[in-house]
Amino acid sequence: MKLFFLCSRKMNGSEMDNNNYKVIEEAVALVNEGYSVTLPVKGRSMLPFIIGGRESVILAPPSGMKRGIIVLARVENRRYVLHRIERIEGDRVTLMGDGNLVGREYCSLNDVKAIATHVVDARNKRHNLYAPWRINASEIWWGLLPVRRYILAVYTRLFSINSSLKI
């Protein structure tokens, strides 16, 4: 099942945010019913593994949550993020986007609404987010946290990633 947000009229920021929230809520409802949902992503917080504005993710019901899994979670009791689990301590989950240099989000296990299983590229080709090479690459990337700023700067220039996208 695919969900895409299309609008034929120009909207202001708050209208866009409200409609995006509604689309994500509907995606979560479908995941809760057992459907896999393909959801377009925006932003740069998951670079270089997920490119906002160009790729989508396939969401499935949350299961097998552990460090390294990419999840859709509700944080601050008001917004959704698609970020990687950094750690789970009891019921508390710490999340951080691969493209983020600082800052983490926190939620409870109940606030994790879905796991991302695949990324779908611009050619509509599915890529398993947990293929061995991707797992290894994400572990290496985690270790590069002190120098991510420089790597991301080069990456965004080389691949013309729009720097005006929201993180």
Protein backbone atom coordinates (compact mmCIF):
# COMPACT_ATOMS: atom_id res chain seq x y z
CA MET A 1 0.00 0.00 0.00
CA LYS A 2 1.39 3.41 -0.91
CA LEU A 3 0.64 6.79 0.60
CA PHE A 4 1.62 9.98 -1.11
CA PHE A 5 0.76 13.52 -0.10
CA LEU A 6 -0.25 15.53 -3.14
CA CYS A 7 -1.69 18.99 -3.08
CA SER A 8 -2.93 21.06 -5.99
CA ARG A 9 -2.80 24.39 -4.19
CA LYS A 10 -0.01 26.24 -2.48
CA MET A 11 -0.17 25.95 1.31
CA ASN A 12 1.46 27.90 4.08
CA GLY A 13 3.85 26.17 6.50
CA SER A 14 1.30 25.39 9.21
CA GLU A 15 -1.17 23.90 6.70
CA MET A 16 1.62 21.75 5.23
CA ASP A 17 2.74 20.57 8.68
CA ASN A 18 -0.85 19.77 9.66
CA ASN A 19 -1.48 17.79 6.48
CA ASN A 20 1.83 15.92 6.79
CA TYR A 21 0.87 15.02 10.35
CA LYS A 22 -2.48 13.66 9.13
CA VAL A 23 -0.77 11.57 6.44
CA ILE A 24 1.65 10.11 8.98
CA GLU A 25 -1.21 9.37 11.39
CA GLU A 26 -3.01 7.52 8.59
CA ALA A 27 0.17 5.60 7.74
CA VAL A 28 0.50 4.60 11.41
CA ALA A 29 -3.13 3.43 11.44
CA LEU A 30 -2.50 1.25 8.37
CA VAL A 31 0.67 -0.18 9.92
CA ASN A 32 -1.36 -1.00 13.04
CA GLU A 33 -3.76 -2.93 10.80
CA GLY A 34 -0.84 -5.00 9.51
CA TYR A 35 -0.17 -3.23 6.22
CA SER A 36 3.24 -2.26 4.92
CA VAL A 37 3.14 1.40 3.99
CA THR A 38 5.44 3.30 1.65
CA LEU A 39 5.92 6.83 2.90
CA PRO A 40 7.93 9.59 1.22
CA VAL A 41 10.45 11.23 3.50
CA LYS A 42 11.69 14.79 3.68
CA GLY A 43 14.64 16.38 5.36
CA ARG A 44 18.32 15.62 5.72
CA SER A 45 18.41 14.00 9.14
CA MET A 46 18.99 10.49 7.77
CA LEU A 47 21.71 11.28 5.23
CA PRO A 48 23.56 9.51 3.76
CA PHE A 49 21.39 6.39 4.14
CA ILE A 50 18.00 7.93 3.30
CA ILE A 51 17.71 10.98 1.05
CA GLY A 52 14.73 13.16 1.90
CA GLY A 53 12.77 14.50 -1.04
CA ARG A 54 14.08 11.72 -3.30
CA GLU A 55 13.39 8.48 -1.49
CA SER A 56 10.63 6.79 0.45
CA VAL A 57 10.67 4.20 3.21
CA ILE A 58 8.59 1.10 3.66
CA LEU A 59 7.13 0.93 7.15
CA ALA A 60 6.04 -2.21 8.97
CA PRO A 61 4.70 -2.91 12.47
CA PRO A 62 7.37 -2.44 15.14
CA SER A 63 9.16 -5.62 16.16
CA GLY A 64 12.69 -6.70 16.92
CA MET A 65 13.64 -3.26 18.12
CA LYS A 66 17.30 -2.88 19.00
CA ARG A 67 20.21 -0.53 18.44
CA GLY A 68 20.59 0.37 14.77
CA ILE A 69 16.96 -0.14 13.72
CA ILE A 70 15.33 2.82 11.94
CA VAL A 71 11.95 3.67 13.41
CA LEU A 72 9.08 6.08 12.98
CA ALA A 73 8.45 7.42 16.47
CA ARG A 74 6.35 10.10 18.06
CA VAL A 75 8.56 12.35 20.17
CA GLU A 76 7.76 15.24 22.48
CA ASN A 77 4.19 13.94 22.35
CA ARG A 78 3.57 16.02 19.24
CA ARG A 79 5.79 15.25 16.23
CA TYR A 80 7.12 12.27 14.31
CA VAL A 81 10.71 11.48 13.39
CA LEU A 82 12.27 8.73 11.32
CA HIS A 83 15.55 8.08 13.12
CA ARG A 84 17.84 5.26 14.14
CA ILE A 85 17.70 3.72 17.62
CA GLU A 86 20.85 4.59 19.51
CA ARG A 87 19.92 2.74 22.69
CA ILE A 88 17.04 1.21 24.63
CA GLU A 89 17.10 1.32 28.42
CA GLY A 90 14.02 -0.26 29.92
CA ASP A 91 11.09 1.57 28.29
CA ARG A 92 13.17 4.61 27.23
CA VAL A 93 14.37 4.79 23.62
CA THR A 94 17.10 7.18 22.48
CA LEU A 95 17.01 8.13 18.79
CA MET A 96 19.40 10.04 16.57
CA GLY A 97 19.28 10.79 12.87
CA ASP A 98 22.25 9.60 10.80
CA GLY A 99 22.64 13.06 9.33
CA ASN A 100 22.40 14.87 12.65
CA LEU A 101 25.55 16.20 14.24
CA VAL A 102 24.11 16.79 17.70
CA GLY A 103 20.82 16.30 19.44
CA ARG A 104 18.84 13.24 20.22
CA GLU A 105 15.18 12.48 20.64
CA TYR A 106 13.68 10.39 23.41
CA CYS A 107 10.50 8.40 23.52
CA SER A 108 9.01 5.33 25.14
CA LEU A 109 8.74 1.96 23.43
CA ASN A 110 4.99 2.65 23.01
CA ASP A 111 5.83 5.79 21.02
CA VAL A 112 7.63 3.73 18.37
CA LYS A 113 4.91 3.39 15.74
CA ALA A 114 6.70 1.53 12.92
CA ILE A 115 10.05 0.25 11.75
CA ALA A 116 11.52 1.12 8.37
CA THR A 117 12.39 -2.07 6.50
CA HIS A 118 13.39 -0.77 3.06
CA VAL A 119 14.25 2.43 1.30
CA VAL A 120 12.76 3.01 -2.16
CA ASP A 121 14.94 5.08 -4.48
CA ALA A 122 13.92 7.50 -7.23
CA ARG A 123 13.81 4.61 -9.75
CA ASN A 124 11.32 2.81 -7.49
CA LYS A 125 13.88 0.14 -6.57
CA ARG A 126 13.65 -1.31 -3.06
CA HIS A 127 16.77 -1.64 -0.90
CA ASN A 128 16.84 -3.62 2.34
CA LEU A 129 17.89 -1.26 5.15
CA TYR A 130 19.38 -4.19 7.05
CA ALA A 131 21.52 -5.80 4.39
CA PRO A 132 24.88 -6.72 5.97
CA TRP A 133 26.77 -3.96 4.15
CA ARG A 134 24.26 -1.34 5.33
CA ILE A 135 24.52 -2.53 8.92
CA ASN A 136 28.32 -2.37 8.74
CA ALA A 137 28.21 1.04 7.06
CA SER A 138 25.87 2.44 9.73
CA GLU A 139 28.20 1.20 12.49
CA ILE A 140 31.17 2.84 10.80
CA TRP A 141 29.10 6.00 10.28
CA TRP A 142 28.23 6.05 13.99
CA GLY A 143 31.94 5.98 14.82
CA LEU A 144 32.50 8.95 12.52
CA LEU A 145 30.19 11.19 14.55
CA PRO A 146 33.00 13.66 15.44
CA VAL A 147 33.74 14.29 11.74
CA ARG A 148 30.29 13.86 10.17
CA ARG A 149 29.99 17.60 9.62
CA TYR A 150 32.82 17.54 7.07
CA ILE A 151 31.74 14.32 5.39
CA LEU A 152 28.15 15.55 5.04
CA ALA A 153 29.32 18.88 3.62
CA VAL A 154 31.25 17.08 0.88
CA TYR A 155 28.43 14.57 0.32
CA THR A 156 25.72 17.22 -0.09
CA ARG A 157 27.87 19.16 -2.57
CA LEU A 158 28.87 16.09 -4.58
CA PHE A 159 25.34 14.79 -4.86
CA SER A 160 23.56 18.17 -5.02
CA ILE A 161 21.40 17.54 -1.98
CA ASN A 162 19.22 20.60 -1.48
CA SER A 163 20.52 22.28 1.67
CA SER A 164 17.24 24.12 2.18
CA LEU A 165 15.41 20.92 3.18
CA LYS A 166 14.36 20.87 6.82
CA ILE A 167 16.20 18.58 9.17
